[in-house]
Amino acid sequence: MDRRQARLEKQRLYQRQYRARRKREKAPDRDDVARTLLHYAIAQNLDHGRHQELARLITAISERLEDQGFDRAATRRTWRELLVRYGDGWDFQRKVHLRSGDDPEDDAAGQ
């Protein structure tokens, strides 16, 4: 195995172990925090009728997404779809394995 392949294999092993540890610890990752923050921001602004504040938030986030190269029209469609869902009472999906008793590793640890 050459040096590069050895380094890549070491990194893969580290990542597998890291993800397994984070799962055992039930530690949220960046995407979990971002998803929860987005849900909170949209739901709170809709629930309290703060439509201008929500519009400012959407504009600011959209500009950053577009700066990253995302399509403006596609970004607007995504926001519309999210707002319709949240307005209809949609909630994001929980990670089922985080509920007590739903993770096979919890069962093995409890025996």
PDB file of N, CA and C in Angstrom:
ATOM      1  N   MET A   1       0.852  -1.169   0.000  1.00  0.00           N
ATOM      2  CA  MET A   1       0.000   0.000   0.000  1.00  0.00           C
ATOM      3  C   MET A   1       0.903   1.238   0.000  1.00  0.00           C
ATOM      4  N   ASP A   2       0.626   2.129  -0.922  1.00  0.00           N
ATOM      5  CA  ASP A   2       1.466   3.328  -0.952  1.00  0.00           C
ATOM      6  C   ASP A   2       1.050   4.309   0.151  1.00  0.00           C
ATOM      7  N   ARG A   3       1.842   5.331   0.289  1.00  0.00           N
ATOM      8  CA  ARG A   3       1.669   6.304   1.375  1.00  0.00           C
ATOM      9  C   ARG A   3       0.288   6.979   1.348  1.00  0.00           C
ATOM     10  N   ARG A   4      -0.145   7.360   0.166  1.00  0.00           N
ATOM     11  CA  ARG A   4      -1.437   8.040   0.022  1.00  0.00           C
ATOM     12  C   ARG A   4      -2.577   7.115   0.419  1.00  0.00           C
ATOM     13  N   GLN A   5      -2.547   5.886  -0.065  1.00  0.00           N
ATOM     14  CA  GLN A   5      -3.598   4.929   0.271  1.00  0.00           C
ATOM     15  C   GLN A   5      -3.629   4.639   1.769  1.00  0.00           C
ATOM     16  N   ALA A   6      -2.463   4.552   2.375  1.00  0.00           N
ATOM     17  CA  ALA A   6      -2.383   4.316   3.820  1.00  0.00           C
ATOM     18  C   ALA A   6      -3.003   5.481   4.587  1.00  0.00           C
ATOM     19  N   ARG A   7      -2.713   6.692   4.145  1.00  0.00           N
ATOM     20  CA  ARG A   7      -3.272   7.880   4.790  1.00  0.00           C
ATOM     21  C   ARG A   7      -4.790   7.904   4.635  1.00  0.00           C
ATOM     22  N   LEU A   8      -5.286   7.582   3.436  1.00  0.00           N
ATOM     23  CA  LEU A   8      -6.733   7.565   3.196  1.00  0.00           C
ATOM     24  C   LEU A   8      -7.423   6.492   4.036  1.00  0.00           C
ATOM     25  N   GLU A   9      -6.805   5.333   4.133  1.00  0.00           N
ATOM     26  CA  GLU A   9      -7.381   4.258   4.951  1.00  0.00           C
ATOM     27  C   GLU A   9      -7.412   4.660   6.423  1.00  0.00           C
ATOM     28  N   LYS A  10      -6.367   5.310   6.887  1.00  0.00           N
ATOM     29  CA  LYS A  10      -6.326   5.785   8.266  1.00  0.00           C
ATOM     30  C   LYS A  10      -7.451   6.797   8.509  1.00  0.00           C
ATOM     31  N   GLN A  11      -7.670   7.676   7.551  1.00  0.00           N
ATOM     32  CA  GLN A  11      -8.731   8.677   7.662  1.00  0.00           C
ATOM     33  C   GLN A  11     -10.109   8.011   7.663  1.00  0.00           C
ATOM     34  N   ARG A  12     -10.325   7.009   6.801  1.00  0.00           N
ATOM     35  CA  ARG A  12     -11.605   6.290   6.776  1.00  0.00           C
ATOM     36  C   ARG A  12     -11.876   5.618   8.117  1.00  0.00           C
ATOM     37  N   LEU A  13     -10.870   4.983   8.666  1.00  0.00           N
ATOM     38  CA  LEU A  13     -11.012   4.322   9.961  1.00  0.00           C
ATOM     39  C   LEU A  13     -11.348   5.346  11.046  1.00  0.00           C
ATOM     40  N   TYR A  14     -10.637   6.456  11.053  1.00  0.00           N
ATOM     41  CA  TYR A  14     -10.903   7.515  12.024  1.00  0.00           C
ATOM     42  C   TYR A  14     -12.347   7.989  11.905  1.00  0.00           C
ATOM     43  N   GLN A  15     -12.817   8.236  10.667  1.00  0.00           N
ATOM     44  CA  GLN A  15     -14.176   8.727  10.455  1.00  0.00           C
ATOM     45  C   GLN A  15     -15.224   7.712  10.932  1.00  0.00           C
ATOM     46  N   ARG A  16     -15.003   6.429  10.646  1.00  0.00           N
ATOM     47  CA  ARG A  16     -15.940   5.397  11.118  1.00  0.00           C
ATOM     48  C   ARG A  16     -16.013   5.395  12.635  1.00  0.00           C
ATOM     49  N   GLN A  17     -14.866   5.459  13.275  1.00  0.00           N
ATOM     50  CA  GLN A  17     -14.826   5.461  14.736  1.00  0.00           C
ATOM     51  C   GLN A  17     -15.460   6.734  15.310  1.00  0.00           C
ATOM     52  N   TYR A  18     -15.166   7.854  14.671  1.00  0.00           N
ATOM     53  CA  TYR A  18     -15.717   9.139  15.111  1.00  0.00           C
ATOM     54  C   TYR A  18     -17.240   9.125  15.024  1.00  0.00           C
ATOM     55  N   ARG A  19     -17.775   8.683  13.885  1.00  0.00           N
ATOM     56  CA  ARG A  19     -19.232   8.628  13.712  1.00  0.00           C
ATOM     57  C   ARG A  19     -19.874   7.668  14.703  1.00  0.00           C
ATOM     58  N   ALA A  20     -19.244   6.525  14.936  1.00  0.00           N
ATOM     59  CA  ALA A  20     -19.774   5.556  15.899  1.00  0.00           C
ATOM     60  C   ALA A  20     -19.796   6.158  17.310  1.00  0.00           C
ATOM     61  N   ARG A  21     -18.734   6.858  17.674  1.00  0.00           N
ATOM     62  CA  ARG A  21     -18.673   7.496  18.999  1.00  0.00           C
ATOM     63  C   ARG A  21     -19.741   8.567  19.126  1.00  0.00           C
ATOM     64  N   ARG A  22     -19.903   9.389  18.110  1.00  0.00           N
ATOM     65  CA  ARG A  22     -20.924  10.453  18.140  1.00  0.00           C
ATOM     66  C   ARG A  22     -22.324   9.850  18.249  1.00  0.00           C
ATOM     67  N   LYS A  23     -22.535   8.732  17.560  1.00  0.00           N
ATOM     68  CA  LYS A  23     -23.835   8.074  17.630  1.00  0.00           C
ATOM     69  C   LYS A  23     -24.075   7.533  19.038  1.00  0.00           C
ATOM     70  N   ARG A  24     -23.069   6.886  19.620  1.00  0.00           N
ATOM     71  CA  ARG A  24     -23.203   6.371  20.992  1.00  0.00           C
ATOM     72  C   ARG A  24     -23.502   7.496  21.971  1.00  0.00           C
ATOM     73  N   GLU A  25     -22.837   8.619  21.790  1.00  0.00           N
ATOM     74  CA  GLU A  25     -23.011   9.771  22.673  1.00  0.00           C
ATOM     75  C   GLU A  25     -24.313  10.517  22.393  1.00  0.00           C
ATOM     76  N   LYS A  26     -24.967  10.173  21.278  1.00  0.00           N
ATOM     77  CA  LYS A  26     -26.177  10.877  20.828  1.00  0.00           C
ATOM     78  C   LYS A  26     -25.897  12.377  20.706  1.00  0.00           C
ATOM     79  N   ALA A  27     -24.749  12.692  20.140  1.00  0.00           N
ATOM     80  CA  ALA A  27     -24.321  14.079  19.980  1.00  0.00           C
ATOM     81  C   ALA A  27     -24.794  14.610  18.627  1.00  0.00           C
ATOM     82  N   PRO A  28     -25.460  15.753  18.614  1.00  0.00           N
ATOM     83  CA  PRO A  28     -25.898  16.316  17.331  1.00  0.00           C
ATOM     84  C   PRO A  28     -24.711  16.776  16.506  1.00  0.00           C
ATOM     85  N   ASP A  29     -24.856  16.651  15.188  1.00  0.00           N
ATOM     86  CA  ASP A  29     -23.813  17.190  14.321  1.00  0.00           C
ATOM     87  C   ASP A  29     -24.261  18.548  13.792  1.00  0.00           C
ATOM     88  N   ARG A  30     -23.438  19.143  12.973  1.00  0.00           N
ATOM     89  CA  ARG A  30     -23.724  20.469  12.427  1.00  0.00           C
ATOM     90  C   ARG A  30     -25.057  20.501  11.698  1.00  0.00           C
ATOM     91  N   ASP A  31     -25.358  19.465  10.918  1.00  0.00           N
ATOM     92  CA  ASP A  31     -26.610  19.425  10.173  1.00  0.00           C
ATOM     93  C   ASP A  31     -27.821  19.304  11.097  1.00  0.00           C
ATOM     94  N   ASP A  32     -27.692  18.556  12.184  1.00  0.00           N
ATOM     95  CA  ASP A  32     -28.783  18.443  13.150  1.00  0.00           C
ATOM     96  C   ASP A  32     -29.092  19.800  13.778  1.00  0.00           C
ATOM     97  N   VAL A  33     -28.046  20.517  14.158  1.00  0.00           N
ATOM     98  CA  VAL A  33     -28.229  21.843  14.751  1.00  0.00           C
ATOM     99  C   VAL A  33     -28.847  22.790  13.726  1.00  0.00           C
ATOM    100  N   ALA A  34     -28.348  22.768  12.511  1.00  0.00           N
ATOM    101  CA  ALA A  34     -28.855  23.660  11.460  1.00  0.00           C
ATOM    102  C   ALA A  34     -30.318  23.365  11.147  1.00  0.00           C
ATOM    103  N   ARG A  35     -30.676  22.092  11.056  1.00  0.00           N
ATOM    104  CA  ARG A  35     -32.056  21.706  10.756  1.00  0.00           C
ATOM    105  C   ARG A  35     -32.994  22.163  11.875  1.00  0.00           C
ATOM    106  N   THR A  36     -32.560  21.992  13.121  1.00  0.00           N
ATOM    107  CA  THR A  36     -33.385  22.389  14.260  1.00  0.00           C
ATOM    108  C   THR A  36     -33.514  23.908  14.335  1.00  0.00           C
ATOM    109  N   LEU A  37     -32.431  24.608  14.078  1.00  0.00           N
ATOM    110  CA  LEU A  37     -32.462  26.069  14.073  1.00  0.00           C
ATOM    111  C   LEU A  37     -33.397  26.583  12.980  1.00  0.00           C
ATOM    112  N   LEU A  38     -33.315  25.996  11.800  1.00  0.00           N
ATOM    113  CA  LEU A  38     -34.184  26.412  10.700  1.00  0.00           C
ATOM    114  C   LEU A  38     -35.648  26.195  11.077  1.00  0.00           C
ATOM    115  N   HIS A  39     -35.955  25.023  11.622  1.00  0.00           N
ATOM    116  CA  HIS A  39     -37.331  24.737  12.028  1.00  0.00           C
ATOM    117  C   HIS A  39     -37.811  25.762  13.056  1.00  0.00           C
ATOM    118  N   TYR A  40     -36.989  26.017  14.054  1.00  0.00           N
ATOM    119  CA  TYR A  40     -37.358  26.967  15.099  1.00  0.00           C
ATOM    120  C   TYR A  40     -37.591  28.365  14.508  1.00  0.00           C
ATOM    121  N   ALA A  41     -36.663  28.826  13.685  1.00  0.00           N
ATOM    122  CA  ALA A  41     -36.766  30.181  13.125  1.00  0.00           C
ATOM    123  C   ALA A  41     -38.022  30.342  12.277  1.00  0.00           C
ATOM    124  N   ILE A  42     -38.303  29.373  11.422  1.00  0.00           N
ATOM    125  CA  ILE A  42     -39.489  29.479  10.566  1.00  0.00           C
ATOM    126  C   ILE A  42     -40.752  29.370  11.407  1.00  0.00           C
ATOM    127  N   ALA A  43     -40.833  28.348  12.254  1.00  0.00           N
ATOM    128  CA  ALA A  43     -42.052  28.117  13.036  1.00  0.00           C
ATOM    129  C   ALA A  43     -42.353  29.300  13.957  1.00  0.00           C
ATOM    130  N   GLN A  44     -41.347  29.809  14.649  1.00  0.00           N
ATOM    131  CA  GLN A  44     -41.570  30.934  15.566  1.00  0.00           C
ATOM    132  C   GLN A  44     -42.041  32.181  14.818  1.00  0.00           C
ATOM    133  N   ASN A  45     -41.405  32.464  13.699  1.00  0.00           N
ATOM    134  CA  ASN A  45     -41.816  33.649  12.941  1.00  0.00           C
ATOM    135  C   ASN A  45     -43.217  33.494  12.375  1.00  0.00           C
ATOM    136  N   LEU A  46     -43.566  32.312  11.885  1.00  0.00           N
ATOM    137  CA  LEU A  46     -44.922  32.091  11.381  1.00  0.00           C
ATOM    138  C   LEU A  46     -45.941  32.140  12.512  1.00  0.00           C
ATOM    139  N   ASP A  47     -45.635  31.456  13.613  1.00  0.00           N
ATOM    140  CA  ASP A  47     -46.569  31.413  14.754  1.00  0.00           C
ATOM    141  C   ASP A  47     -46.864  32.793  15.320  1.00  0.00           C
ATOM    142  N   HIS A  48     -45.882  33.686  15.285  1.00  0.00           N
ATOM    143  CA  HIS A  48     -46.041  35.016  15.870  1.00  0.00           C
ATOM    144  C   HIS A  48     -46.325  36.100  14.831  1.00  0.00           C
ATOM    145  N   GLY A  49     -46.588  35.691  13.594  1.00  0.00           N
ATOM    146  CA  GLY A  49     -46.953  36.645  12.551  1.00  0.00           C
ATOM    147  C   GLY A  49     -45.840  37.605  12.177  1.00  0.00           C
ATOM    148  N   ARG A  50     -44.615  37.210  12.388  1.00  0.00           N
ATOM    149  CA  ARG A  50     -43.474  38.083  12.073  1.00  0.00           C
ATOM    150  C   ARG A  50     -43.010  37.833  10.640  1.00  0.00           C
ATOM    151  N   HIS A  51     -43.850  38.202   9.709  1.00  0.00           N
ATOM    152  CA  HIS A  51     -43.591  37.911   8.303  1.00  0.00           C
ATOM    153  C   HIS A  51     -42.433  38.739   7.738  1.00  0.00           C
ATOM    154  N   GLN A  52     -42.301  39.984   8.191  1.00  0.00           N
ATOM    155  CA  GLN A  52     -41.182  40.805   7.711  1.00  0.00           C
ATOM    156  C   GLN A  52     -39.853  40.252   8.215  1.00  0.00           C
ATOM    157  N   GLU A  53     -39.811  39.830   9.473  1.00  0.00           N
ATOM    158  CA  GLU A  53     -38.585  39.257  10.023  1.00  0.00           C
ATOM    159  C   GLU A  53     -38.226  37.975   9.280  1.00  0.00           C
ATOM    160  N   LEU A  54     -39.229  37.149   9.001  1.00  0.00           N
ATOM    161  CA  LEU A  54     -38.993  35.911   8.254  1.00  0.00           C
ATOM    162  C   LEU A  54     -38.493  36.225   6.848  1.00  0.00           C
ATOM    163  N   ALA A  55     -39.068  37.244   6.217  1.00  0.00           N
ATOM    164  CA  ALA A  55     -38.619  37.639   4.875  1.00  0.00           C
ATOM    165  C   ALA A  55     -37.166  38.097   4.895  1.00  0.00           C
ATOM    166  N   ARG A  56     -36.773  38.863   5.926  1.00  0.00           N
ATOM    167  CA  ARG A  56     -35.379  39.307   6.046  1.00  0.00           C
ATOM    168  C   ARG A  56     -34.444  38.111   6.227  1.00  0.00           C
ATOM    169  N   LEU A  57     -34.861  37.169   7.051  1.00  0.00           N
ATOM    170  CA  LEU A  57     -34.066  35.967   7.282  1.00  0.00           C
ATOM    171  C   LEU A  57     -33.892  35.177   5.988  1.00  0.00           C
ATOM    172  N   ILE A  58     -34.974  34.982   5.273  1.00  0.00           N
ATOM    173  CA  ILE A  58     -34.933  34.233   4.016  1.00  0.00           C
ATOM    174  C   ILE A  58     -34.034  34.939   3.009  1.00  0.00           C
ATOM    175  N   THR A  59     -34.139  36.251   2.917  1.00  0.00           N
ATOM    176  CA  THR A  59     -33.305  37.019   1.987  1.00  0.00           C
ATOM    177  C   THR A  59     -31.824  36.859   2.325  1.00  0.00           C
ATOM    178  N   ALA A  60     -31.491  36.994   3.603  1.00  0.00           N
ATOM    179  CA  ALA A  60     -30.088  36.893   4.022  1.00  0.00           C
ATOM    180  C   ALA A  60     -29.529  35.501   3.737  1.00  0.00           C
ATOM    181  N   ILE A  61     -30.294  34.478   4.068  1.00  0.00           N
ATOM    182  CA  ILE A  61     -29.823  33.108   3.830  1.00  0.00           C
ATOM    183  C   ILE A  61     -29.738  32.828   2.332  1.00  0.00           C
ATOM    184  N   SER A  62     -30.723  33.292   1.580  1.00  0.00           N
ATOM    185  CA  SER A  62     -30.731  33.078   0.131  1.00  0.00           C
ATOM    186  C   SER A  62     -29.516  33.713  -0.530  1.00  0.00           C
ATOM    187  N   GLU A  63     -29.170  34.914  -0.097  1.00  0.00           N
ATOM    188  CA  GLU A  63     -27.992  35.585  -0.662  1.00  0.00           C
ATOM    189  C   GLU A  63     -26.729  34.771  -0.410  1.00  0.00           C
ATOM    190  N   ARG A  64     -26.622  34.214   0.769  1.00  0.00           N
ATOM    191  CA  ARG A  64     -25.446  33.392   1.083  1.00  0.00           C
ATOM    192  C   ARG A  64     -25.428  32.103   0.259  1.00  0.00           C
ATOM    193  N   LEU A  65     -26.597  31.514   0.074  1.00  0.00           N
ATOM    194  CA  LEU A  65     -26.674  30.306  -0.754  1.00  0.00           C
ATOM    195  C   LEU A  65     -26.293  30.622  -2.209  1.00  0.00           C
ATOM    196  N   GLU A  66     -26.785  31.741  -2.708  1.00  0.00           N
ATOM    197  CA  GLU A  66     -26.468  32.141  -4.077  1.00  0.00           C
ATOM    198  C   GLU A  66     -24.976  32.460  -4.220  1.00  0.00           C
ATOM    199  N   ASP A  67     -24.385  33.057  -3.184  1.00  0.00           N
ATOM    200  CA  ASP A  67     -22.943  33.314  -3.201  1.00  0.00           C
ATOM    201  C   ASP A  67     -22.149  32.007  -3.290  1.00  0.00           C
ATOM    202  N   GLN A  68     -22.732  30.940  -2.759  1.00  0.00           N
ATOM    203  CA  GLN A  68     -22.085  29.624  -2.822  1.00  0.00           C
ATOM    204  C   GLN A  68     -22.302  28.946  -4.165  1.00  0.00           C
ATOM    205  N   GLY A  69     -23.143  29.544  -5.018  1.00  0.00           N
ATOM    206  CA  GLY A  69     -23.348  29.002  -6.354  1.00  0.00           C
ATOM    207  C   GLY A  69     -24.706  28.366  -6.589  1.00  0.00           C
ATOM    208  N   PHE A  70     -25.595  28.395  -5.591  1.00  0.00           N
ATOM    209  CA  PHE A  70     -26.921  27.825  -5.794  1.00  0.00           C
ATOM    210  C   PHE A  70     -27.756  28.743  -6.677  1.00  0.00           C
ATOM    211  N   ASP A  71     -28.621  28.155  -7.463  1.00  0.00           N
ATOM    212  CA  ASP A  71     -29.471  28.876  -8.395  1.00  0.00           C
ATOM    213  C   ASP A  71     -30.523  29.698  -7.648  1.00  0.00           C
ATOM    214  N   ARG A  72     -30.694  30.940  -8.062  1.00  0.00           N
ATOM    215  CA  ARG A  72     -31.635  31.847  -7.396  1.00  0.00           C
ATOM    216  C   ARG A  72     -33.072  31.336  -7.484  1.00  0.00           C
ATOM    217  N   ALA A  73     -33.512  30.940  -8.655  1.00  0.00           N
ATOM    218  CA  ALA A  73     -34.896  30.464  -8.807  1.00  0.00           C
ATOM    219  C   ALA A  73     -35.127  29.177  -8.021  1.00  0.00           C
ATOM    220  N   ALA A  74     -34.155  28.275  -8.044  1.00  0.00           N
ATOM    221  CA  ALA A  74     -34.283  27.024  -7.299  1.00  0.00           C
ATOM    222  C   ALA A  74     -34.305  27.301  -5.790  1.00  0.00           C
ATOM    223  N   THR A  75     -33.534  28.274  -5.353  1.00  0.00           N
ATOM    224  CA  THR A  75     -33.520  28.649  -3.937  1.00  0.00           C
ATOM    225  C   THR A  75     -34.884  29.184  -3.527  1.00  0.00           C
ATOM    226  N   ARG A  76     -35.477  30.029  -4.348  1.00  0.00           N
ATOM    227  CA  ARG A  76     -36.809  30.568  -4.045  1.00  0.00           C
ATOM    228  C   ARG A  76     -37.857  29.465  -3.999  1.00  0.00           C
ATOM    229  N   ARG A  77     -37.781  28.516  -4.937  1.00  0.00           N
ATOM    230  CA  ARG A  77     -38.726  27.383  -4.924  1.00  0.00           C
ATOM    231  C   ARG A  77     -38.593  26.574  -3.638  1.00  0.00           C
ATOM    232  N   THR A  78     -37.364  26.343  -3.246  1.00  0.00           N
ATOM    233  CA  THR A  78     -37.125  25.580  -2.021  1.00  0.00           C
ATOM    234  C   THR A  78     -37.732  26.287  -0.822  1.00  0.00           C
ATOM    235  N   TRP A  79     -37.533  27.596  -0.725  1.00  0.00           N
ATOM    236  CA  TRP A  79     -38.120  28.347   0.376  1.00  0.00           C
ATOM    237  C   TRP A  79     -39.638  28.267   0.352  1.00  0.00           C
ATOM    238  N   ARG A  80     -40.239  28.445  -0.834  1.00  0.00           N
ATOM    239  CA  ARG A  80     -41.707  28.375  -0.936  1.00  0.00           C
ATOM    240  C   ARG A  80     -42.213  27.029  -0.444  1.00  0.00           C
ATOM    241  N   GLU A  81     -41.551  25.956  -0.890  1.00  0.00           N
ATOM    242  CA  GLU A  81     -41.962  24.606  -0.480  1.00  0.00           C
ATOM    243  C   GLU A  81     -41.850  24.438   1.042  1.00  0.00           C
ATOM    244  N   LEU A  82     -40.748  24.919   1.609  1.00  0.00           N
ATOM    245  CA  LEU A  82     -40.572  24.826   3.063  1.00  0.00           C
ATOM    246  C   LEU A  82     -41.640  25.613   3.809  1.00  0.00           C
ATOM    247  N   LEU A  83     -41.912  26.819   3.362  1.00  0.00           N
ATOM    248  CA  LEU A  83     -42.891  27.654   4.049  1.00  0.00           C
ATOM    249  C   LEU A  83     -44.297  27.053   3.975  1.00  0.00           C
ATOM    250  N   VAL A  84     -44.634  26.469   2.845  1.00  0.00           N
ATOM    251  CA  VAL A  84     -45.940  25.806   2.728  1.00  0.00           C
ATOM    252  C   VAL A  84     -46.007  24.635   3.706  1.00  0.00           C
ATOM    253  N   ARG A  85     -44.960  23.825   3.735  1.00  0.00           N
ATOM    254  CA  ARG A  85     -44.934  22.677   4.650  1.00  0.00           C
ATOM    255  C   ARG A  85     -45.033  23.118   6.105  1.00  0.00           C
ATOM    256  N   TYR A  86     -44.206  24.070   6.491  1.00  0.00           N
ATOM    257  CA  TYR A  86     -44.207  24.533   7.880  1.00  0.00           C
ATOM    258  C   TYR A  86     -45.533  25.204   8.208  1.00  0.00           C
ATOM    259  N   GLY A  87     -46.078  25.957   7.269  1.00  0.00           N
ATOM    260  CA  GLY A  87     -47.373  26.604   7.480  1.00  0.00           C
ATOM    261  C   GLY A  87     -48.495  25.601   7.674  1.00  0.00           C
ATOM    262  N   ASP A  88     -48.351  24.434   7.062  1.00  0.00           N
ATOM    263  CA  ASP A  88     -49.345  23.362   7.216  1.00  0.00           C
ATOM    264  C   ASP A  88     -49.098  22.521   8.462  1.00  0.00           C
ATOM    265  N   GLY A  89     -48.087  22.908   9.256  1.00  0.00           N
ATOM    266  CA  GLY A  89     -47.808  22.197  10.498  1.00  0.00           C
ATOM    267  C   GLY A  89     -46.779  21.091  10.387  1.00  0.00           C
ATOM    268  N   TRP A  90     -46.079  21.018   9.271  1.00  0.00           N
ATOM    269  CA  TRP A  90     -45.067  19.976   9.075  1.00  0.00           C
ATOM    270  C   TRP A  90     -43.942  20.144  10.078  1.00  0.00           C
ATOM    271  N   ASP A  91     -43.445  19.041  10.551  1.00  0.00           N
ATOM    272  CA  ASP A  91     -42.330  19.041  11.475  1.00  0.00           C
ATOM    273  C   ASP A  91     -41.221  18.205  10.848  1.00  0.00           C
ATOM    274  N   PHE A  92     -39.983  18.524  11.143  1.00  0.00           N
ATOM    275  CA  PHE A  92     -38.889  17.750  10.575  1.00  0.00           C
ATOM    276  C   PHE A  92     -38.876  16.358  11.188  1.00  0.00           C
ATOM    277  N   GLN A  93     -38.269  15.438  10.484  1.00  0.00           N
ATOM    278  CA  GLN A  93     -38.213  14.053  10.938  1.00  0.00           C
ATOM    279  C   GLN A  93     -37.176  13.890  12.034  1.00  0.00           C
ATOM    280  N   ARG A  94     -37.601  13.265  13.119  1.00  0.00           N
ATOM    281  CA  ARG A  94     -36.646  12.952  14.188  1.00  0.00           C
ATOM    282  C   ARG A  94     -35.795  11.771  13.757  1.00  0.00           C
ATOM    283  N   LYS A  95     -34.642  11.683  14.320  1.00  0.00           N
ATOM    284  CA  LYS A  95     -33.784  10.527  14.078  1.00  0.00           C
ATOM    285  C   LYS A  95     -34.266   9.421  15.016  1.00  0.00           C
ATOM    286  N   VAL A  96     -34.884   8.419  14.442  1.00  0.00           N
ATOM    287  CA  VAL A  96     -35.539   7.375  15.215  1.00  0.00           C
ATOM    288  C   VAL A  96     -34.591   6.689  16.185  1.00  0.00           C
ATOM    289  N   HIS A  97     -33.343   6.504  15.787  1.00  0.00           N
ATOM    290  CA  HIS A  97     -32.406   5.793  16.658  1.00  0.00           C
ATOM    291  C   HIS A  97     -32.089   6.550  17.947  1.00  0.00           C
ATOM    292  N   LEU A  98     -32.489   7.818  18.028  1.00  0.00           N
ATOM    293  CA  LEU A  98     -32.214   8.588  19.232  1.00  0.00           C
ATOM    294  C   LEU A  98     -33.267   8.371  20.322  1.00  0.00           C
ATOM    295  N   ARG A  99     -34.423   7.843  19.935  1.00  0.00           N
ATOM    296  CA  ARG A  99     -35.450   7.593  20.948  1.00  0.00           C
ATOM    297  C   ARG A  99     -35.038   6.420  21.809  1.00  0.00           C
ATOM    298  N   SER A 100     -35.289   6.531  23.053  1.00  0.00           N
ATOM    299  CA  SER A 100     -34.910   5.496  24.008  1.00  0.00           C
ATOM    300  C   SER A 100     -35.510   4.157  23.608  1.00  0.00           C
ATOM    301  N   GLY A 101     -34.648   3.137  23.565  1.00  0.00           N
ATOM    302  CA  GLY A 101     -35.099   1.799  23.252  1.00  0.00           C
ATOM    303  C   GLY A 101     -35.182   1.450  21.776  1.00  0.00           C
ATOM    304  N   ASP A 102     -34.958   2.428  20.899  1.00  0.00           N
ATOM    305  CA  ASP A 102     -35.060   2.180  19.466  1.00  0.00           C
ATOM    306  C   ASP A 102     -33.724   1.808  18.830  1.00  0.00           C
ATOM    307  N   ASP A 103     -32.648   1.959  19.557  1.00  0.00           N
ATOM    308  CA  ASP A 103     -31.329   1.688  19.007  1.00  0.00           C
ATOM    309  C   ASP A 103     -30.878   0.302  19.468  1.00  0.00           C
ATOM    310  N   PRO A 104     -30.592  -0.604  18.520  1.00  0.00           N
ATOM    311  CA  PRO A 104     -30.149  -1.930  18.912  1.00  0.00           C
ATOM    312  C   PRO A 104     -28.928  -1.905  19.818  1.00  0.00           C
ATOM    313  N   GLU A 105     -28.072  -0.887  19.690  1.00  0.00           N
ATOM    314  CA  GLU A 105     -26.911  -0.771  20.553  1.00  0.00           C
ATOM    315  C   GLU A 105     -27.332  -0.510  21.999  1.00  0.00           C
ATOM    316  N   ASP A 106     -28.481   0.211  22.198  1.00  0.00           N
ATOM    317  CA  ASP A 106     -28.985   0.437  23.539  1.00  0.00           C
ATOM    318  C   ASP A 106     -29.386  -0.879  24.193  1.00  0.00           C
ATOM    319  N   ASP A 107     -30.027  -1.751  23.401  1.00  0.00           N
ATOM    320  CA  ASP A 107     -30.452  -3.054  23.920  1.00  0.00           C
ATOM    321  C   ASP A 107     -29.256  -3.880  24.351  1.00  0.00           C
ATOM    322  N   ALA A 108     -28.225  -3.887  23.520  1.00  0.00           N
ATOM    323  CA  ALA A 108     -27.033  -4.677  23.836  1.00  0.00           C
ATOM    324  C   ALA A 108     -26.321  -4.133  25.058  1.00  0.00           C
ATOM    325  N   ALA A 109     -26.314  -2.817  25.209  1.00  0.00           N
ATOM    326  CA  ALA A 109     -25.638  -2.213  26.347  1.00  0.00           C
ATOM    327  C   ALA A 109     -26.412  -2.445  27.643  1.00  0.00           C
ATOM    328  N   GLY A 110     -27.734  -2.582  27.534  1.00  0.00           N
ATOM    329  CA  GLY A 110     -28.544  -2.748  28.720  1.00  0.00           C
ATOM    330  C   GLY A 110     -28.593  -4.175  29.223  1.00  0.00           C
ATOM    331  N   GLN A 111     -28.057  -5.115  28.486  1.00  0.00           N
ATOM    332  CA  GLN A 111     -28.125  -6.532  28.897  1.00  0.00           C
ATOM    333  C   GLN A 111     -26.993  -6.918  29.770  1.00  0.00           C
TER     334      GLN A 111
END
